[in-house]
């Protein structure tokens, strides 16, 4: 056995020891806790083997045995599964504040996004400020009506692009075209610019960037199930997500700097997009800062675009 193989075996052995120690420690820590019933976990893996490639069906079968509220050990993480409308209503309506915080995927911790991204932060003054801003300026009926002309323009441009491609006998990638239109609708509402040109290669590059981010968050990650290995990021998901998010932050930073300079120019015309609104809030009330704005854009632009085009 050569040196490299020996090192791999050593690293794997150390990881296994860490997982075993973490499993025993967590089991001892929660052994006296009042938890709902559930299947018996095995050392290290817990109940991960009880879930197959269709976990929703596995959970439904387990609920028939252990009840609508049950406990699962996913690696070293204790998880409570709610699988009935009555229990869900009890948790989500009567105890919504207690259960409002999300489980944070390890990849999201890149760039400290879990501390500033609205979906991940707990109920706090920052969360309330971001929620108020979104309700007042992003999702309010008045804002949606005001941007209706932008949406109509982008749809007309999409139809024109399709018509031109048909006239020239050029094949159309529907997923790419729909993604480009959706993203440009959002970017015009936020920045008053098109982030990608549907007829250029940038659309495919940006779509790949967005989907890479979503894949790193959506795929299974050992660090989410075994707290002992979070520091080493064994699958590299946090590292890759950091790279993708860094490129997004770079693009946002350039757009923000350009707008800040424009706002300082005498005789500049005030725009009515979300970026100008957020910069105005930053200057007047100090409820948010530049970092909060960039993390809000990271949530609203690529995530929403990818979900809009998920069926394409």
C-alpha atoms as a PDB file:
ATOM      1  CA  UNK A   1       0.000   0.000   0.000  1.00  0.00           C
ATOM      2  CA  UNK A   2       1.539   3.351  -1.066  1.00  0.00           C
ATOM      3  CA  UNK A   3       1.627   6.550   0.990  1.00  0.00           C
ATOM      4  CA  UNK A   4      -1.437   8.171  -0.653  1.00  0.00           C
ATOM      5  CA  UNK A   5      -3.581   5.070  -0.061  1.00  0.00           C
ATOM      6  CA  UNK A   6      -2.442   4.986   3.553  1.00  0.00           C
ATOM      7  CA  UNK A   7      -3.418   8.621   4.020  1.00  0.00           C
ATOM      8  CA  UNK A   8      -6.865   8.018   2.520  1.00  0.00           C
ATOM      9  CA  UNK A   9      -7.438   5.071   4.870  1.00  0.00           C
ATOM     10  CA  UNK A  10      -6.266   7.159   7.817  1.00  0.00           C
ATOM     11  CA  UNK A  11      -8.586  10.034   6.948  1.00  0.00           C
ATOM     12  CA  UNK A  12     -11.560   7.698   6.473  1.00  0.00           C
ATOM     13  CA  UNK A  13     -10.790   6.002   9.801  1.00  0.00           C
ATOM     14  CA  UNK A  14     -10.624   9.347  11.596  1.00  0.00           C
ATOM     15  CA  UNK A  15     -13.917  10.443  10.032  1.00  0.00           C
ATOM     16  CA  UNK A  16     -15.567   7.191  11.116  1.00  0.00           C
ATOM     17  CA  UNK A  17     -14.273   7.646  14.680  1.00  0.00           C
ATOM     18  CA  UNK A  18     -15.595  11.218  14.732  1.00  0.00           C
ATOM     19  CA  UNK A  19     -18.993  10.073  13.473  1.00  0.00           C
ATOM     20  CA  UNK A  20     -19.146   7.242  16.010  1.00  0.00           C
ATOM     21  CA  UNK A  21     -18.178   9.560  18.858  1.00  0.00           C
ATOM     22  CA  UNK A  22     -20.706  12.167  17.725  1.00  0.00           C
ATOM     23  CA  UNK A  23     -23.430   9.510  17.470  1.00  0.00           C
ATOM     24  CA  UNK A  24     -22.758   8.164  20.959  1.00  0.00           C
ATOM     25  CA  UNK A  25     -22.564  11.677  22.433  1.00  0.00           C
ATOM     26  CA  UNK A  26     -25.824  12.792  20.799  1.00  0.00           C
ATOM     27  CA  UNK A  27     -27.564   9.583  21.840  1.00  0.00           C
ATOM     28  CA  UNK A  28     -26.498  10.065  25.455  1.00  0.00           C
ATOM     29  CA  UNK A  29     -27.475  13.720  25.369  1.00  0.00           C
ATOM     30  CA  UNK A  30     -31.027  13.029  24.143  1.00  0.00           C
ATOM     31  CA  UNK A  31     -31.632   9.691  25.844  1.00  0.00           C
ATOM     32  CA  UNK A  32     -33.671  11.291  28.607  1.00  0.00           C
ATOM     33  CA  UNK A  33     -35.460  13.825  26.422  1.00  0.00           C
ATOM     34  CA  UNK A  34     -39.211  13.486  25.970  1.00  0.00           C
ATOM     35  CA  UNK A  35     -39.366  12.717  22.268  1.00  0.00           C
ATOM     36  CA  UNK A  36     -42.189  11.258  20.152  1.00  0.00           C
ATOM     37  CA  UNK A  37     -41.923   7.559  19.210  1.00  0.00           C
ATOM     38  CA  UNK A  38     -40.019   6.462  16.128  1.00  0.00           C
ATOM     39  CA  UNK A  39     -37.988   3.634  14.601  1.00  0.00           C
ATOM     40  CA  UNK A  40     -34.915   2.523  16.537  1.00  0.00           C
ATOM     41  CA  UNK A  41     -31.754   4.164  15.144  1.00  0.00           C
ATOM     42  CA  UNK A  42     -28.561   2.275  14.447  1.00  0.00           C
ATOM     43  CA  UNK A  43     -25.144   3.622  15.511  1.00  0.00           C
ATOM     44  CA  UNK A  44     -23.642   6.385  13.361  1.00  0.00           C
ATOM     45  CA  UNK A  45     -26.281   6.292  10.570  1.00  0.00           C
ATOM     46  CA  UNK A  46     -29.345   6.633  12.783  1.00  0.00           C
ATOM     47  CA  UNK A  47     -32.470   6.141  10.643  1.00  0.00           C
ATOM     48  CA  UNK A  48     -30.953   7.116   7.296  1.00  0.00           C
ATOM     49  CA  UNK A  49     -31.361   3.562   6.015  1.00  0.00           C
ATOM     50  CA  UNK A  50     -35.108   3.811   6.696  1.00  0.00           C
ATOM     51  CA  UNK A  51     -35.331   6.334   3.843  1.00  0.00           C
ATOM     52  CA  UNK A  52     -34.960   5.270   0.223  1.00  0.00           C
ATOM     53  CA  UNK A  53     -34.782   7.369  -2.955  1.00  0.00           C
ATOM     54  CA  UNK A  54     -38.420   8.455  -2.384  1.00  0.00           C
ATOM     55  CA  UNK A  55     -38.304   9.674   1.223  1.00  0.00           C
ATOM     56  CA  UNK A  56     -41.877  11.009   1.207  1.00  0.00           C
ATOM     57  CA  UNK A  57     -43.182   7.472   0.651  1.00  0.00           C
ATOM     58  CA  UNK A  58     -40.816   6.063   3.276  1.00  0.00           C
ATOM     59  CA  UNK A  59     -42.021   8.636   5.801  1.00  0.00           C
ATOM     60  CA  UNK A  60     -45.667   7.828   5.001  1.00  0.00           C
ATOM     61  CA  UNK A  61     -45.038   4.131   5.710  1.00  0.00           C
ATOM     62  CA  UNK A  62     -43.217   4.919   8.954  1.00  0.00           C
ATOM     63  CA  UNK A  63     -46.053   7.236  10.054  1.00  0.00           C
ATOM     64  CA  UNK A  64     -48.524   4.352   9.787  1.00  0.00           C
ATOM     65  CA  UNK A  65     -46.403   2.476  12.321  1.00  0.00           C
ATOM     66  CA  UNK A  66     -45.240   5.221  14.673  1.00  0.00           C
ATOM     67  CA  UNK A  67     -47.970   7.841  14.346  1.00  0.00           C
ATOM     68  CA  UNK A  68     -48.363  11.308  12.792  1.00  0.00           C
ATOM     69  CA  UNK A  69     -45.631  12.791  15.022  1.00  0.00           C
ATOM     70  CA  UNK A  70     -42.445  10.721  15.161  1.00  0.00           C
ATOM     71  CA  UNK A  71     -38.744  11.025  15.863  1.00  0.00           C
ATOM     72  CA  UNK A  72     -36.012  10.142  13.387  1.00  0.00           C
ATOM     73  CA  UNK A  73     -32.259  10.280  13.810  1.00  0.00           C
ATOM     74  CA  UNK A  74     -30.740  11.424  10.530  1.00  0.00           C
ATOM     75  CA  UNK A  75     -27.098  10.766  11.251  1.00  0.00           C
ATOM     76  CA  UNK A  76     -26.451  12.715  14.450  1.00  0.00           C
ATOM     77  CA  UNK A  77     -29.372  15.101  13.899  1.00  0.00           C
ATOM     78  CA  UNK A  78     -32.608  14.508  15.801  1.00  0.00           C
ATOM     79  CA  UNK A  79     -35.560  15.224  13.505  1.00  0.00           C
ATOM     80  CA  UNK A  80     -39.278  15.427  14.354  1.00  0.00           C
ATOM     81  CA  UNK A  81     -41.527  14.482  11.436  1.00  0.00           C
ATOM     82  CA  UNK A  82     -45.093  15.876  11.246  1.00  0.00           C
ATOM     83  CA  UNK A  83     -47.306  13.965   8.822  1.00  0.00           C
ATOM     84  CA  UNK A  84     -50.937  14.841   9.546  1.00  0.00           C
ATOM     85  CA  UNK A  85     -52.982  18.017   8.860  1.00  0.00           C
ATOM     86  CA  UNK A  86     -54.025  18.304  12.500  1.00  0.00           C
ATOM     87  CA  UNK A  87     -50.468  18.098  13.843  1.00  0.00           C
ATOM     88  CA  UNK A  88     -49.194  20.451  11.132  1.00  0.00           C
ATOM     89  CA  UNK A  89     -51.861  23.021  12.021  1.00  0.00           C
ATOM     90  CA  UNK A  90     -50.884  22.783  15.683  1.00  0.00           C
ATOM     91  CA  UNK A  91     -47.221  23.438  14.849  1.00  0.00           C
ATOM     92  CA  UNK A  92     -47.569  26.009  12.064  1.00  0.00           C
ATOM     93  CA  UNK A  93     -50.466  28.081  13.450  1.00  0.00           C
ATOM     94  CA  UNK A  94     -50.466  27.820  17.240  1.00  0.00           C
ATOM     95  CA  UNK A  95     -46.710  27.516  17.758  1.00  0.00           C
ATOM     96  CA  UNK A  96     -45.462  29.253  14.628  1.00  0.00           C
ATOM     97  CA  UNK A  97     -42.951  31.502  16.417  1.00  0.00           C
ATOM     98  CA  UNK A  98     -41.340  28.581  18.257  1.00  0.00           C
ATOM     99  CA  UNK A  99     -40.926  26.599  15.035  1.00  0.00           C
ATOM    100  CA  UNK A 100     -40.312  29.462  12.595  1.00  0.00           C
ATOM    101  CA  UNK A 101     -36.537  28.999  12.238  1.00  0.00           C
ATOM    102  CA  UNK A 102     -35.380  26.816   9.358  1.00  0.00           C
ATOM    103  CA  UNK A 103     -32.752  24.118   9.463  1.00  0.00           C
ATOM    104  CA  UNK A 104     -29.713  25.711   7.853  1.00  0.00           C
ATOM    105  CA  UNK A 105     -27.934  23.635   5.181  1.00  0.00           C
ATOM    106  CA  UNK A 106     -24.201  23.725   5.749  1.00  0.00           C
ATOM    107  CA  UNK A 107     -23.591  25.136   2.251  1.00  0.00           C
ATOM    108  CA  UNK A 108     -25.634  28.252   3.118  1.00  0.00           C
ATOM    109  CA  UNK A 109     -23.053  29.164   5.758  1.00  0.00           C
ATOM    110  CA  UNK A 110     -20.729  30.271   2.957  1.00  0.00           C
ATOM    111  CA  UNK A 111     -20.229  34.058   3.021  1.00  0.00           C
ATOM    112  CA  UNK A 112     -22.253  33.978   6.283  1.00  0.00           C
ATOM    113  CA  UNK A 113     -25.398  33.920   4.132  1.00  0.00           C
ATOM    114  CA  UNK A 114     -27.283  32.209   6.986  1.00  0.00           C
ATOM    115  CA  UNK A 115     -26.810  35.366   9.096  1.00  0.00           C
ATOM    116  CA  UNK A 116     -28.144  37.822   6.493  1.00  0.00           C
ATOM    117  CA  UNK A 117     -30.332  35.845   4.045  1.00  0.00           C
ATOM    118  CA  UNK A 118     -34.000  36.375   4.904  1.00  0.00           C
ATOM    119  CA  UNK A 119     -35.091  32.700   4.540  1.00  0.00           C
ATOM    120  CA  UNK A 120     -32.486  31.570   7.087  1.00  0.00           C
ATOM    121  CA  UNK A 121     -32.286  34.180   9.832  1.00  0.00           C
ATOM    122  CA  UNK A 122     -34.528  33.778  12.931  1.00  0.00           C
ATOM    123  CA  UNK A 123     -37.234  36.246  13.902  1.00  0.00           C
ATOM    124  CA  UNK A 124     -35.262  39.377  14.791  1.00  0.00           C
ATOM    125  CA  UNK A 125     -35.183  43.135  14.076  1.00  0.00           C
ATOM    126  CA  UNK A 126     -33.264  42.457  10.823  1.00  0.00           C
ATOM    127  CA  UNK A 127     -35.775  39.799   9.739  1.00  0.00           C
ATOM    128  CA  UNK A 128     -38.686  42.129  10.473  1.00  0.00           C
ATOM    129  CA  UNK A 129     -37.048  44.944   8.497  1.00  0.00           C
ATOM    130  CA  UNK A 130     -36.403  42.716   5.476  1.00  0.00           C
ATOM    131  CA  UNK A 131     -39.915  41.266   5.650  1.00  0.00           C
ATOM    132  CA  UNK A 132     -41.445  44.764   5.805  1.00  0.00           C
ATOM    133  CA  UNK A 133     -39.339  45.887   2.841  1.00  0.00           C
ATOM    134  CA  UNK A 134     -40.354  42.846   0.765  1.00  0.00           C
ATOM    135  CA  UNK A 135     -44.033  43.253   1.607  1.00  0.00           C
ATOM    136  CA  UNK A 136     -43.991  46.991   0.894  1.00  0.00           C
ATOM    137  CA  UNK A 137     -41.749  47.175  -2.168  1.00  0.00           C
ATOM    138  CA  UNK A 138     -41.458  43.728  -3.788  1.00  0.00           C
ATOM    139  CA  UNK A 139     -44.790  41.956  -3.327  1.00  0.00           C
ATOM    140  CA  UNK A 140     -47.227  44.815  -2.737  1.00  0.00           C
ATOM    141  CA  UNK A 141     -50.056  45.083  -5.267  1.00  0.00           C
ATOM    142  CA  UNK A 142     -49.083  48.655  -6.098  1.00  0.00           C
ATOM    143  CA  UNK A 143     -45.522  47.601  -6.938  1.00  0.00           C
ATOM    144  CA  UNK A 144     -46.679  44.691  -9.072  1.00  0.00           C
ATOM    145  CA  UNK A 145     -49.079  46.915 -11.012  1.00  0.00           C
ATOM    146  CA  UNK A 146     -46.366  49.560 -11.499  1.00  0.00           C
ATOM    147  CA  UNK A 147     -44.069  46.976 -13.089  1.00  0.00           C
ATOM    148  CA  UNK A 148     -46.710  45.426 -15.324  1.00  0.00           C
ATOM    149  CA  UNK A 149     -45.330  47.290 -18.341  1.00  0.00           C
ATOM    150  CA  UNK A 150     -41.912  45.686 -17.761  1.00  0.00           C
ATOM    151  CA  UNK A 151     -43.449  42.215 -17.678  1.00  0.00           C
ATOM    152  CA  UNK A 152     -45.457  42.926 -20.824  1.00  0.00           C
ATOM    153  CA  UNK A 153     -42.341  44.216 -22.603  1.00  0.00           C
ATOM    154  CA  UNK A 154     -40.306  41.118 -21.726  1.00  0.00           C
ATOM    155  CA  UNK A 155     -43.077  38.797 -22.905  1.00  0.00           C
ATOM    156  CA  UNK A 156     -43.281  40.705 -26.202  1.00  0.00           C
ATOM    157  CA  UNK A 157     -39.512  40.424 -26.576  1.00  0.00           C
ATOM    158  CA  UNK A 158     -39.732  36.676 -25.945  1.00  0.00           C
ATOM    159  CA  UNK A 159     -42.449  36.301 -28.598  1.00  0.00           C
ATOM    160  CA  UNK A 160     -40.385  38.385 -31.020  1.00  0.00           C
ATOM    161  CA  UNK A 161     -37.341  36.205 -30.369  1.00  0.00           C
ATOM    162  CA  UNK A 162     -39.375  33.034 -30.971  1.00  0.00           C
ATOM    163  CA  UNK A 163     -40.937  34.457 -34.155  1.00  0.00           C
ATOM    164  CA  UNK A 164     -37.562  35.546 -35.525  1.00  0.00           C
ATOM    165  CA  UNK A 165     -36.036  32.131 -34.758  1.00  0.00           C
ATOM    166  CA  UNK A 166     -38.934  30.377 -36.509  1.00  0.00           C
ATOM    167  CA  UNK A 167     -38.631  32.611 -39.570  1.00  0.00           C
ATOM    168  CA  UNK A 168     -34.917  31.809 -39.781  1.00  0.00           C
ATOM    169  CA  UNK A 169     -35.424  28.090 -39.158  1.00  0.00           C
ATOM    170  CA  UNK A 170     -33.376  28.194 -35.938  1.00  0.00           C
ATOM    171  CA  UNK A 171     -34.141  25.683 -33.168  1.00  0.00           C
ATOM    172  CA  UNK A 172     -35.229  27.237 -29.860  1.00  0.00           C
ATOM    173  CA  UNK A 173     -34.201  26.058 -26.413  1.00  0.00           C
ATOM    174  CA  UNK A 174     -37.494  26.746 -24.601  1.00  0.00           C
ATOM    175  CA  UNK A 175     -35.981  26.284 -21.139  1.00  0.00           C
ATOM    176  CA  UNK A 176     -33.202  28.756 -21.862  1.00  0.00           C
ATOM    177  CA  UNK A 177     -35.586  31.317 -23.408  1.00  0.00           C
ATOM    178  CA  UNK A 178     -38.081  31.091 -20.522  1.00  0.00           C
ATOM    179  CA  UNK A 179     -35.289  31.349 -17.956  1.00  0.00           C
ATOM    180  CA  UNK A 180     -33.829  34.411 -19.686  1.00  0.00           C
ATOM    181  CA  UNK A 181     -37.216  36.132 -19.805  1.00  0.00           C
ATOM    182  CA  UNK A 182     -37.971  35.402 -16.155  1.00  0.00           C
ATOM    183  CA  UNK A 183     -34.576  36.602 -14.991  1.00  0.00           C
ATOM    184  CA  UNK A 184     -34.792  39.789 -17.047  1.00  0.00           C
ATOM    185  CA  UNK A 185     -38.241  40.522 -15.612  1.00  0.00           C
ATOM    186  CA  UNK A 186     -36.749  40.294 -12.122  1.00  0.00           C
ATOM    187  CA  UNK A 187     -33.544  42.165 -12.917  1.00  0.00           C
ATOM    188  CA  UNK A 188     -35.505  45.018 -14.511  1.00  0.00           C
ATOM    189  CA  UNK A 189     -37.727  45.266 -11.444  1.00  0.00           C
ATOM    190  CA  UNK A 190     -34.632  45.351  -9.222  1.00  0.00           C
ATOM    191  CA  UNK A 191     -31.934  47.083 -11.327  1.00  0.00           C
ATOM    192  CA  UNK A 192     -33.715  48.359 -14.473  1.00  0.00           C
ATOM    193  CA  UNK A 193     -31.292  46.349 -16.613  1.00  0.00           C
ATOM    194  CA  UNK A 194     -31.322  43.049 -18.497  1.00  0.00           C
ATOM    195  CA  UNK A 195     -28.876  40.691 -16.804  1.00  0.00           C
ATOM    196  CA  UNK A 196     -28.674  38.403 -19.846  1.00  0.00           C
ATOM    197  CA  UNK A 197     -29.289  38.540 -23.587  1.00  0.00           C
ATOM    198  CA  UNK A 198     -31.402  35.522 -24.682  1.00  0.00           C
ATOM    199  CA  UNK A 199     -29.582  35.399 -28.032  1.00  0.00           C
ATOM    200  CA  UNK A 200     -26.095  35.238 -26.483  1.00  0.00           C
ATOM    201  CA  UNK A 201     -24.115  32.622 -24.591  1.00  0.00           C
ATOM    202  CA  UNK A 202     -24.427  34.572 -21.339  1.00  0.00           C
ATOM    203  CA  UNK A 203     -27.890  33.121 -20.755  1.00  0.00           C
ATOM    204  CA  UNK A 204     -26.578  29.580 -20.615  1.00  0.00           C
ATOM    205  CA  UNK A 205     -23.617  30.619 -18.430  1.00  0.00           C
ATOM    206  CA  UNK A 206     -25.830  32.400 -15.915  1.00  0.00           C
ATOM    207  CA  UNK A 207     -28.364  29.587 -15.884  1.00  0.00           C
ATOM    208  CA  UNK A 208     -25.559  27.131 -15.155  1.00  0.00           C
ATOM    209  CA  UNK A 209     -24.338  29.332 -12.301  1.00  0.00           C
ATOM    210  CA  UNK A 210     -27.800  29.512 -10.753  1.00  0.00           C
ATOM    211  CA  UNK A 211     -28.476  25.805 -11.084  1.00  0.00           C
ATOM    212  CA  UNK A 212     -25.086  24.965  -9.616  1.00  0.00           C
ATOM    213  CA  UNK A 213     -26.045  26.999  -6.554  1.00  0.00           C
ATOM    214  CA  UNK A 214     -29.379  25.245  -6.246  1.00  0.00           C
ATOM    215  CA  UNK A 215     -27.816  21.808  -6.686  1.00  0.00           C
ATOM    216  CA  UNK A 216     -25.327  22.413  -3.888  1.00  0.00           C
ATOM    217  CA  UNK A 217     -28.238  23.295  -1.606  1.00  0.00           C
ATOM    218  CA  UNK A 218     -30.538  20.523  -2.791  1.00  0.00           C
ATOM    219  CA  UNK A 219     -28.230  17.507  -2.822  1.00  0.00           C
ATOM    220  CA  UNK A 220     -27.522  15.394   0.256  1.00  0.00           C
ATOM    221  CA  UNK A 221     -24.601  16.649   2.295  1.00  0.00           C
ATOM    222  CA  UNK A 222     -22.827  14.616   4.983  1.00  0.00           C
ATOM    223  CA  UNK A 223     -22.169  17.832   6.903  1.00  0.00           C
ATOM    224  CA  UNK A 224     -25.935  18.307   7.339  1.00  0.00           C
ATOM    225  CA  UNK A 225     -26.315  14.922   9.031  1.00  0.00           C
ATOM    226  CA  UNK A 226     -23.043  14.581  10.929  1.00  0.00           C
ATOM    227  CA  UNK A 227     -22.059  17.668  12.888  1.00  0.00           C
ATOM    228  CA  UNK A 228     -18.607  16.241  13.623  1.00  0.00           C
ATOM    229  CA  UNK A 229     -17.493  16.645   9.980  1.00  0.00           C
ATOM    230  CA  UNK A 230     -18.865  20.144   9.312  1.00  0.00           C
ATOM    231  CA  UNK A 231     -15.475  21.746   9.788  1.00  0.00           C
ATOM    232  CA  UNK A 232     -13.850  19.716   7.024  1.00  0.00           C
ATOM    233  CA  UNK A 233     -16.731  20.025   4.504  1.00  0.00           C
ATOM    234  CA  UNK A 234     -16.056  16.470   3.194  1.00  0.00           C
ATOM    235  CA  UNK A 235     -18.032  16.816  -0.058  1.00  0.00           C
ATOM    236  CA  UNK A 236     -16.946  20.381  -0.748  1.00  0.00           C
ATOM    237  CA  UNK A 237     -20.500  21.697  -1.071  1.00  0.00           C
ATOM    238  CA  UNK A 238     -19.933  24.775   1.087  1.00  0.00           C
ATOM    239  CA  UNK A 239     -16.736  25.569  -0.814  1.00  0.00           C
ATOM    240  CA  UNK A 240     -18.413  25.309  -4.232  1.00  0.00           C
ATOM    241  CA  UNK A 241     -21.476  27.284  -3.117  1.00  0.00           C
ATOM    242  CA  UNK A 242     -19.111  29.988  -1.833  1.00  0.00           C
ATOM    243  CA  UNK A 243     -17.554  30.229  -5.297  1.00  0.00           C
ATOM    244  CA  UNK A 244     -20.901  30.509  -7.097  1.00  0.00           C
ATOM    245  CA  UNK A 245     -22.326  32.996  -4.581  1.00  0.00           C
ATOM    246  CA  UNK A 246     -19.124  35.026  -4.765  1.00  0.00           C
ATOM    247  CA  UNK A 247     -19.655  35.525  -8.503  1.00  0.00           C
ATOM    248  CA  UNK A 248     -23.227  36.682  -7.835  1.00  0.00           C
ATOM    249  CA  UNK A 249     -22.070  39.110  -5.156  1.00  0.00           C
ATOM    250  CA  UNK A 250     -19.484  40.462  -7.585  1.00  0.00           C
ATOM    251  CA  UNK A 251     -22.166  41.191 -10.180  1.00  0.00           C
ATOM    252  CA  UNK A 252     -24.435  42.809  -7.585  1.00  0.00           C
ATOM    253  CA  UNK A 253     -21.572  44.928  -6.237  1.00  0.00           C
ATOM    254  CA  UNK A 254     -20.824  46.364  -9.686  1.00  0.00           C
ATOM    255  CA  UNK A 255     -24.492  47.236 -10.260  1.00  0.00           C
ATOM    256  CA  UNK A 256     -24.779  48.880  -6.846  1.00  0.00           C
ATOM    257  CA  UNK A 257     -21.578  50.929  -7.271  1.00  0.00           C
ATOM    258  CA  UNK A 258     -22.774  52.169 -10.670  1.00  0.00           C
ATOM    259  CA  UNK A 259     -26.116  53.212  -9.195  1.00  0.00           C
ATOM    260  CA  UNK A 260     -24.545  54.950  -6.183  1.00  0.00           C
ATOM    261  CA  UNK A 261     -22.373  57.036  -8.507  1.00  0.00           C
ATOM    262  CA  UNK A 262     -25.415  57.885 -10.642  1.00  0.00           C
ATOM    263  CA  UNK A 263     -27.366  59.007  -7.566  1.00  0.00           C
ATOM    264  CA  UNK A 264     -24.541  61.422  -6.665  1.00  0.00           C
ATOM    265  CA  UNK A 265     -24.486  62.975 -10.150  1.00  0.00           C
ATOM    266  CA  UNK A 266     -26.206  66.334 -10.431  1.00  0.00           C
ATOM    267  CA  UNK A 267     -29.252  66.247 -12.643  1.00  0.00           C
ATOM    268  CA  UNK A 268     -29.537  62.455 -12.560  1.00  0.00           C
ATOM    269  CA  UNK A 269     -33.038  61.072 -13.025  1.00  0.00           C
ATOM    270  CA  UNK A 270     -34.369  59.167 -10.023  1.00  0.00           C
ATOM    271  CA  UNK A 271     -35.397  55.626 -10.920  1.00  0.00           C
ATOM    272  CA  UNK A 272     -38.243  53.643  -9.410  1.00  0.00           C
ATOM    273  CA  UNK A 273     -36.678  50.215  -9.144  1.00  0.00           C
ATOM    274  CA  UNK A 274     -36.059  48.181  -6.001  1.00  0.00           C
ATOM    275  CA  UNK A 275     -32.350  49.022  -5.856  1.00  0.00           C
ATOM    276  CA  UNK A 276     -33.030  52.759  -5.623  1.00  0.00           C
ATOM    277  CA  UNK A 277     -35.643  52.112  -2.940  1.00  0.00           C
ATOM    278  CA  UNK A 278     -33.239  50.018  -0.872  1.00  0.00           C
ATOM    279  CA  UNK A 279     -30.429  52.566  -1.211  1.00  0.00           C
ATOM    280  CA  UNK A 280     -32.845  55.246  -0.043  1.00  0.00           C
ATOM    281  CA  UNK A 281     -33.793  53.158   3.000  1.00  0.00           C
ATOM    282  CA  UNK A 282     -30.112  52.561   3.749  1.00  0.00           C
ATOM    283  CA  UNK A 283     -29.378  56.294   3.653  1.00  0.00           C
ATOM    284  CA  UNK A 284     -32.407  57.490   5.591  1.00  0.00           C
ATOM    285  CA  UNK A 285     -33.291  54.942   8.274  1.00  0.00           C
ATOM    286  CA  UNK A 286     -30.218  52.700   8.545  1.00  0.00           C
ATOM    287  CA  UNK A 287     -32.544  49.675   8.901  1.00  0.00           C
ATOM    288  CA  UNK A 288     -30.353  47.808   6.426  1.00  0.00           C
ATOM    289  CA  UNK A 289     -26.841  48.158   5.053  1.00  0.00           C
ATOM    290  CA  UNK A 290     -25.084  47.274   1.789  1.00  0.00           C
ATOM    291  CA  UNK A 291     -24.387  43.716   2.947  1.00  0.00           C
ATOM    292  CA  UNK A 292     -28.092  43.124   3.705  1.00  0.00           C
ATOM    293  CA  UNK A 293     -29.023  44.431   0.246  1.00  0.00           C
ATOM    294  CA  UNK A 294     -26.632  42.050  -1.535  1.00  0.00           C
ATOM    295  CA  UNK A 295     -27.821  39.029   0.449  1.00  0.00           C
ATOM    296  CA  UNK A 296     -31.434  39.991  -0.269  1.00  0.00           C
ATOM    297  CA  UNK A 297     -30.627  40.078  -3.989  1.00  0.00           C
ATOM    298  CA  UNK A 298     -28.933  36.675  -3.695  1.00  0.00           C
ATOM    299  CA  UNK A 299     -32.242  35.279  -2.443  1.00  0.00           C
ATOM    300  CA  UNK A 300     -34.591  37.143  -4.765  1.00  0.00           C
ATOM    301  CA  UNK A 301     -32.810  36.997  -8.128  1.00  0.00           C
ATOM    302  CA  UNK A 302     -31.198  33.578  -8.770  1.00  0.00           C
ATOM    303  CA  UNK A 303     -33.392  31.493  -6.438  1.00  0.00           C
ATOM    304  CA  UNK A 304     -36.643  32.888  -7.806  1.00  0.00           C
ATOM    305  CA  UNK A 305     -35.449  32.576 -11.397  1.00  0.00           C
ATOM    306  CA  UNK A 306     -34.521  28.931 -10.977  1.00  0.00           C
ATOM    307  CA  UNK A 307     -37.837  28.064  -9.348  1.00  0.00           C
ATOM    308  CA  UNK A 308     -39.736  29.901 -12.118  1.00  0.00           C
ATOM    309  CA  UNK A 309     -37.944  27.853 -14.795  1.00  0.00           C
ATOM    310  CA  UNK A 310     -37.865  24.539 -12.940  1.00  0.00           C
ATOM    311  CA  UNK A 311     -40.415  22.927 -15.282  1.00  0.00           C
ATOM    312  CA  UNK A 312     -38.678  24.086 -18.412  1.00  0.00           C
END
